[in-house]
């Protein structure tokens, strides 16, 4: 593998990590969010799903993904059904997505090592390496479970209310590392 490729890849992954941690993001218009849309699978799980807000992560001129929050009639309820869609603007390895997710769950205060290990194992069977223009959507259903969709096709689920709380909290909780993006997603 050429050294130049490895250096660019490290820079991208470092930039993604810093952007996710620092909350660096740029707004995305509501029209862009609407045209991105949800695939029929998630829409079928959330009656009347409408976009609430969107944002882009950007760092050093790179934008790894765009995020949009959907909820019934555009009304977010953390205890109800909603969906968070990430559209990747660059290729990101599954291992990186999973590591950042688990680290952010820990940062929010979840410390049960056995449960974290179990969630990591489950994510490793669900989350793929994301290619440019690919989208992954996490849906929190009415029972509090997280169902994942890749480009509109269901790829797995984690049926643990605590996982849903902390996973979606990466973007939506008051403890999110990205308060600006959180406000954009919640439309506040």
C-alpha atoms as a PDB file:
ATOM      1  CA  UNK A   1       0.000   0.000   0.000  1.00  0.00           C
ATOM      2  CA  UNK A   2       1.511   3.385  -0.995  1.00  0.00           C
ATOM      3  CA  UNK A   3       2.648   5.558   1.904  1.00  0.00           C
ATOM      4  CA  UNK A   4       0.659   8.521   0.548  1.00  0.00           C
ATOM      5  CA  UNK A   5      -2.572   6.454   0.724  1.00  0.00           C
ATOM      6  CA  UNK A   6      -1.839   5.355   4.297  1.00  0.00           C
ATOM      7  CA  UNK A   7      -1.144   8.955   5.368  1.00  0.00           C
ATOM      8  CA  UNK A   8      -4.363  10.255   3.809  1.00  0.00           C
ATOM      9  CA  UNK A   9      -6.323   7.428   5.420  1.00  0.00           C
ATOM     10  CA  UNK A  10      -4.851   8.154   8.859  1.00  0.00           C
ATOM     11  CA  UNK A  11      -5.614  11.843   8.395  1.00  0.00           C
ATOM     12  CA  UNK A  12      -9.232  11.029   7.491  1.00  0.00           C
ATOM     13  CA  UNK A  13      -9.715   8.748  10.493  1.00  0.00           C
ATOM     14  CA  UNK A  14      -8.060  11.239  12.812  1.00  0.00           C
ATOM     15  CA  UNK A  15     -10.206  14.015  11.378  1.00  0.00           C
ATOM     16  CA  UNK A  16     -13.365  11.952  11.843  1.00  0.00           C
ATOM     17  CA  UNK A  17     -12.463  11.224  15.455  1.00  0.00           C
ATOM     18  CA  UNK A  18     -11.693  14.850  16.230  1.00  0.00           C
ATOM     19  CA  UNK A  19     -14.801  16.074  14.408  1.00  0.00           C
ATOM     20  CA  UNK A  20     -17.018  13.625  16.265  1.00  0.00           C
ATOM     21  CA  UNK A  21     -15.444  14.551  19.585  1.00  0.00           C
ATOM     22  CA  UNK A  22     -15.310  18.297  19.019  1.00  0.00           C
ATOM     23  CA  UNK A  23     -18.794  18.707  17.574  1.00  0.00           C
ATOM     24  CA  UNK A  24     -17.553  20.450  14.441  1.00  0.00           C
ATOM     25  CA  UNK A  25     -20.389  20.496  11.943  1.00  0.00           C
ATOM     26  CA  UNK A  26     -22.054  22.527   9.250  1.00  0.00           C
ATOM     27  CA  UNK A  27     -25.830  22.854   8.682  1.00  0.00           C
ATOM     28  CA  UNK A  28     -27.621  20.984   5.928  1.00  0.00           C
ATOM     29  CA  UNK A  29     -30.800  22.452   4.464  1.00  0.00           C
ATOM     30  CA  UNK A  30     -34.093  20.817   5.239  1.00  0.00           C
ATOM     31  CA  UNK A  31     -34.603  20.276   1.504  1.00  0.00           C
ATOM     32  CA  UNK A  32     -31.372  18.266   1.314  1.00  0.00           C
ATOM     33  CA  UNK A  33     -32.549  16.203   4.263  1.00  0.00           C
ATOM     34  CA  UNK A  34     -35.893  15.578   2.573  1.00  0.00           C
ATOM     35  CA  UNK A  35     -34.313  14.485  -0.689  1.00  0.00           C
ATOM     36  CA  UNK A  36     -31.955  12.154   1.181  1.00  0.00           C
ATOM     37  CA  UNK A  37     -35.076  10.536   2.651  1.00  0.00           C
ATOM     38  CA  UNK A  38     -35.435   7.289   4.497  1.00  0.00           C
ATOM     39  CA  UNK A  39     -35.646   3.996   2.692  1.00  0.00           C
ATOM     40  CA  UNK A  40     -38.989   2.209   2.779  1.00  0.00           C
ATOM     41  CA  UNK A  41     -37.902  -0.168   5.578  1.00  0.00           C
ATOM     42  CA  UNK A  42     -37.429   2.510   8.251  1.00  0.00           C
ATOM     43  CA  UNK A  43     -40.444   4.498   7.015  1.00  0.00           C
ATOM     44  CA  UNK A  44     -42.578   1.403   7.458  1.00  0.00           C
ATOM     45  CA  UNK A  45     -41.469   1.219  11.099  1.00  0.00           C
ATOM     46  CA  UNK A  46     -42.158   4.880  11.784  1.00  0.00           C
ATOM     47  CA  UNK A  47     -45.575   5.999  10.601  1.00  0.00           C
ATOM     48  CA  UNK A  48     -45.517   9.569   9.370  1.00  0.00           C
ATOM     49  CA  UNK A  49     -41.734   9.923   9.666  1.00  0.00           C
ATOM     50  CA  UNK A  50     -40.592  13.440   8.836  1.00  0.00           C
ATOM     51  CA  UNK A  51     -37.145  15.019   9.109  1.00  0.00           C
ATOM     52  CA  UNK A  52     -36.571  17.230  12.141  1.00  0.00           C
ATOM     53  CA  UNK A  53     -33.024  18.413  11.493  1.00  0.00           C
ATOM     54  CA  UNK A  54     -29.723  17.630   9.830  1.00  0.00           C
ATOM     55  CA  UNK A  55     -26.053  18.439  10.088  1.00  0.00           C
ATOM     56  CA  UNK A  56     -22.711  17.636   8.537  1.00  0.00           C
ATOM     57  CA  UNK A  57     -19.494  16.764  10.276  1.00  0.00           C
ATOM     58  CA  UNK A  58     -16.574  18.669   8.795  1.00  0.00           C
ATOM     59  CA  UNK A  59     -12.922  18.809   9.761  1.00  0.00           C
ATOM     60  CA  UNK A  60      -9.946  20.250   7.884  1.00  0.00           C
ATOM     61  CA  UNK A  61     -12.042  20.525   4.753  1.00  0.00           C
ATOM     62  CA  UNK A  62     -13.255  16.910   5.016  1.00  0.00           C
ATOM     63  CA  UNK A  63     -16.874  15.936   5.592  1.00  0.00           C
ATOM     64  CA  UNK A  64     -17.145  12.228   6.455  1.00  0.00           C
ATOM     65  CA  UNK A  65     -20.929  12.022   6.820  1.00  0.00           C
ATOM     66  CA  UNK A  66     -24.245  13.816   7.034  1.00  0.00           C
ATOM     67  CA  UNK A  67     -26.796  13.027   9.778  1.00  0.00           C
ATOM     68  CA  UNK A  68     -30.591  13.468   9.735  1.00  0.00           C
ATOM     69  CA  UNK A  69     -33.087  12.852  12.539  1.00  0.00           C
ATOM     70  CA  UNK A  70     -36.594  11.630  11.637  1.00  0.00           C
ATOM     71  CA  UNK A  71     -39.619  11.205  13.904  1.00  0.00           C
ATOM     72  CA  UNK A  72     -43.398  10.809  13.549  1.00  0.00           C
ATOM     73  CA  UNK A  73     -44.859  14.079  12.271  1.00  0.00           C
ATOM     74  CA  UNK A  74     -41.441  15.646  12.907  1.00  0.00           C
ATOM     75  CA  UNK A  75     -41.901  15.489  16.706  1.00  0.00           C
ATOM     76  CA  UNK A  76     -38.952  13.936  18.565  1.00  0.00           C
ATOM     77  CA  UNK A  77     -39.711  11.956  21.727  1.00  0.00           C
ATOM     78  CA  UNK A  78     -36.637  10.235  23.243  1.00  0.00           C
ATOM     79  CA  UNK A  79     -38.919   7.466  24.562  1.00  0.00           C
ATOM     80  CA  UNK A  80     -40.776   7.037  21.267  1.00  0.00           C
ATOM     81  CA  UNK A  81     -39.910   5.873  17.781  1.00  0.00           C
ATOM     82  CA  UNK A  82     -37.392   7.826  15.723  1.00  0.00           C
ATOM     83  CA  UNK A  83     -34.608   7.253  13.212  1.00  0.00           C
ATOM     84  CA  UNK A  84     -31.123   8.641  12.788  1.00  0.00           C
ATOM     85  CA  UNK A  85     -29.713   8.346   9.275  1.00  0.00           C
ATOM     86  CA  UNK A  86     -26.013   8.754   8.469  1.00  0.00           C
ATOM     87  CA  UNK A  87     -25.053   9.186   4.826  1.00  0.00           C
ATOM     88  CA  UNK A  88     -21.351   8.622   4.385  1.00  0.00           C
ATOM     89  CA  UNK A  89     -19.458  10.996   2.152  1.00  0.00           C
ATOM     90  CA  UNK A  90     -16.244   8.982   2.506  1.00  0.00           C
ATOM     91  CA  UNK A  91     -15.304   5.357   3.114  1.00  0.00           C
ATOM     92  CA  UNK A  92     -14.979   4.486   6.821  1.00  0.00           C
ATOM     93  CA  UNK A  93     -14.019   1.061   8.165  1.00  0.00           C
ATOM     94  CA  UNK A  94     -16.471  -0.849  10.345  1.00  0.00           C
ATOM     95  CA  UNK A  95     -13.909  -1.250  13.129  1.00  0.00           C
ATOM     96  CA  UNK A  96     -13.523   2.531  13.362  1.00  0.00           C
ATOM     97  CA  UNK A  97     -17.284   3.150  13.471  1.00  0.00           C
ATOM     98  CA  UNK A  98     -17.709   0.531  16.215  1.00  0.00           C
ATOM     99  CA  UNK A  99     -14.765   1.730  18.318  1.00  0.00           C
ATOM    100  CA  UNK A 100     -15.901   5.338  18.241  1.00  0.00           C
ATOM    101  CA  UNK A 101     -19.475   4.276  19.107  1.00  0.00           C
ATOM    102  CA  UNK A 102     -18.395   2.178  22.110  1.00  0.00           C
ATOM    103  CA  UNK A 103     -16.006   4.897  23.325  1.00  0.00           C
ATOM    104  CA  UNK A 104     -18.775   7.499  23.129  1.00  0.00           C
ATOM    105  CA  UNK A 105     -21.155   5.227  25.051  1.00  0.00           C
ATOM    106  CA  UNK A 106     -18.493   4.904  27.768  1.00  0.00           C
ATOM    107  CA  UNK A 107     -17.918   8.658  27.768  1.00  0.00           C
ATOM    108  CA  UNK A 108     -21.622   9.178  28.528  1.00  0.00           C
ATOM    109  CA  UNK A 109     -21.162   7.216  31.746  1.00  0.00           C
ATOM    110  CA  UNK A 110     -22.019   3.609  30.879  1.00  0.00           C
ATOM    111  CA  UNK A 111     -19.336   1.514  32.616  1.00  0.00           C
ATOM    112  CA  UNK A 112     -20.563  -2.117  32.652  1.00  0.00           C
ATOM    113  CA  UNK A 113     -17.613  -3.819  30.909  1.00  0.00           C
ATOM    114  CA  UNK A 114     -19.434  -7.098  30.233  1.00  0.00           C
ATOM    115  CA  UNK A 115     -22.381  -5.336  28.605  1.00  0.00           C
ATOM    116  CA  UNK A 116     -20.085  -3.071  26.570  1.00  0.00           C
ATOM    117  CA  UNK A 117     -18.219  -6.144  25.345  1.00  0.00           C
ATOM    118  CA  UNK A 118     -21.513  -7.798  24.388  1.00  0.00           C
ATOM    119  CA  UNK A 119     -22.671  -4.666  22.525  1.00  0.00           C
ATOM    120  CA  UNK A 120     -19.320  -4.499  20.683  1.00  0.00           C
ATOM    121  CA  UNK A 121     -19.703  -8.149  19.592  1.00  0.00           C
ATOM    122  CA  UNK A 122     -23.236  -7.486  18.374  1.00  0.00           C
ATOM    123  CA  UNK A 123     -22.156  -4.354  16.464  1.00  0.00           C
ATOM    124  CA  UNK A 124     -19.321  -6.323  14.850  1.00  0.00           C
ATOM    125  CA  UNK A 125     -21.923  -8.657  13.334  1.00  0.00           C
ATOM    126  CA  UNK A 126     -24.097  -5.760  12.147  1.00  0.00           C
ATOM    127  CA  UNK A 127     -22.027  -2.724  11.128  1.00  0.00           C
ATOM    128  CA  UNK A 128     -20.157  -2.959   7.801  1.00  0.00           C
ATOM    129  CA  UNK A 129     -17.422  -0.790   6.379  1.00  0.00           C
ATOM    130  CA  UNK A 130     -19.307   2.164   4.971  1.00  0.00           C
ATOM    131  CA  UNK A 131     -18.623   3.206   1.412  1.00  0.00           C
ATOM    132  CA  UNK A 132     -19.025   6.678  -0.031  1.00  0.00           C
ATOM    133  CA  UNK A 133     -22.747   7.502  -0.521  1.00  0.00           C
ATOM    134  CA  UNK A 134     -23.809   4.540   1.606  1.00  0.00           C
ATOM    135  CA  UNK A 135     -26.312   5.158   4.337  1.00  0.00           C
ATOM    136  CA  UNK A 136     -26.898   3.446   7.615  1.00  0.00           C
ATOM    137  CA  UNK A 137     -30.024   4.204   9.595  1.00  0.00           C
ATOM    138  CA  UNK A 138     -30.614   3.367  13.228  1.00  0.00           C
ATOM    139  CA  UNK A 139     -34.287   3.154  14.192  1.00  0.00           C
ATOM    140  CA  UNK A 140     -35.428   3.232  17.799  1.00  0.00           C
ATOM    141  CA  UNK A 141     -38.727   1.399  17.794  1.00  0.00           C
ATOM    142  CA  UNK A 142     -41.575   1.700  20.298  1.00  0.00           C
ATOM    143  CA  UNK A 143     -40.112  -1.062  22.469  1.00  0.00           C
ATOM    144  CA  UNK A 144     -36.824   0.821  22.772  1.00  0.00           C
ATOM    145  CA  UNK A 145     -34.845  -1.541  20.528  1.00  0.00           C
ATOM    146  CA  UNK A 146     -32.382  -0.353  17.887  1.00  0.00           C
ATOM    147  CA  UNK A 147     -32.846  -1.726  14.380  1.00  0.00           C
ATOM    148  CA  UNK A 148     -30.142  -1.015  11.800  1.00  0.00           C
ATOM    149  CA  UNK A 149     -30.664  -0.578   8.058  1.00  0.00           C
ATOM    150  CA  UNK A 150     -27.979  -0.419   5.373  1.00  0.00           C
ATOM    151  CA  UNK A 151     -29.110   1.396   2.243  1.00  0.00           C
ATOM    152  CA  UNK A 152     -32.718   0.597   3.191  1.00  0.00           C
ATOM    153  CA  UNK A 153     -32.233  -3.105   3.992  1.00  0.00           C
ATOM    154  CA  UNK A 154     -32.457  -4.366   7.581  1.00  0.00           C
ATOM    155  CA  UNK A 155     -29.058  -5.686   8.708  1.00  0.00           C
ATOM    156  CA  UNK A 156     -29.580  -6.350  12.397  1.00  0.00           C
ATOM    157  CA  UNK A 157     -30.930  -5.228  15.738  1.00  0.00           C
ATOM    158  CA  UNK A 158     -29.851  -4.808  19.337  1.00  0.00           C
ATOM    159  CA  UNK A 159     -32.775  -5.407  21.648  1.00  0.00           C
ATOM    160  CA  UNK A 160     -31.587  -3.578  24.737  1.00  0.00           C
ATOM    161  CA  UNK A 161     -33.238  -0.334  25.864  1.00  0.00           C
ATOM    162  CA  UNK A 162     -29.995   0.751  27.527  1.00  0.00           C
ATOM    163  CA  UNK A 163     -28.095   0.348  24.261  1.00  0.00           C
ATOM    164  CA  UNK A 164     -30.643   2.507  22.449  1.00  0.00           C
ATOM    165  CA  UNK A 165     -30.444   5.204  25.113  1.00  0.00           C
ATOM    166  CA  UNK A 166     -26.651   5.441  25.006  1.00  0.00           C
ATOM    167  CA  UNK A 167     -26.171   4.791  21.293  1.00  0.00           C
ATOM    168  CA  UNK A 168     -28.579   7.513  20.163  1.00  0.00           C
ATOM    169  CA  UNK A 169     -27.279   9.656  23.013  1.00  0.00           C
ATOM    170  CA  UNK A 170     -24.023   9.961  21.072  1.00  0.00           C
ATOM    171  CA  UNK A 171     -25.860  12.532  18.951  1.00  0.00           C
ATOM    172  CA  UNK A 172     -29.018  13.403  20.886  1.00  0.00           C
ATOM    173  CA  UNK A 173     -28.307  13.507  24.630  1.00  0.00           C
ATOM    174  CA  UNK A 174     -27.414  16.626  26.586  1.00  0.00           C
ATOM    175  CA  UNK A 175     -24.035  14.920  27.179  1.00  0.00           C
ATOM    176  CA  UNK A 176     -23.295  14.671  23.452  1.00  0.00           C
ATOM    177  CA  UNK A 177     -19.797  15.736  22.456  1.00  0.00           C
ATOM    178  CA  UNK A 178     -21.389  17.566  19.541  1.00  0.00           C
ATOM    179  CA  UNK A 179     -23.774  20.138  21.064  1.00  0.00           C
ATOM    180  CA  UNK A 180     -24.026  22.165  17.856  1.00  0.00           C
ATOM    181  CA  UNK A 181     -24.981  19.109  15.807  1.00  0.00           C
ATOM    182  CA  UNK A 182     -27.398  18.019  18.564  1.00  0.00           C
ATOM    183  CA  UNK A 183     -29.187  21.373  18.298  1.00  0.00           C
ATOM    184  CA  UNK A 184     -29.321  21.084  14.508  1.00  0.00           C
ATOM    185  CA  UNK A 185     -30.768  17.570  14.697  1.00  0.00           C
ATOM    186  CA  UNK A 186     -33.374  18.538  17.310  1.00  0.00           C
ATOM    187  CA  UNK A 187     -34.243  21.736  15.441  1.00  0.00           C
ATOM    188  CA  UNK A 188     -33.567  23.973  18.445  1.00  0.00           C
END
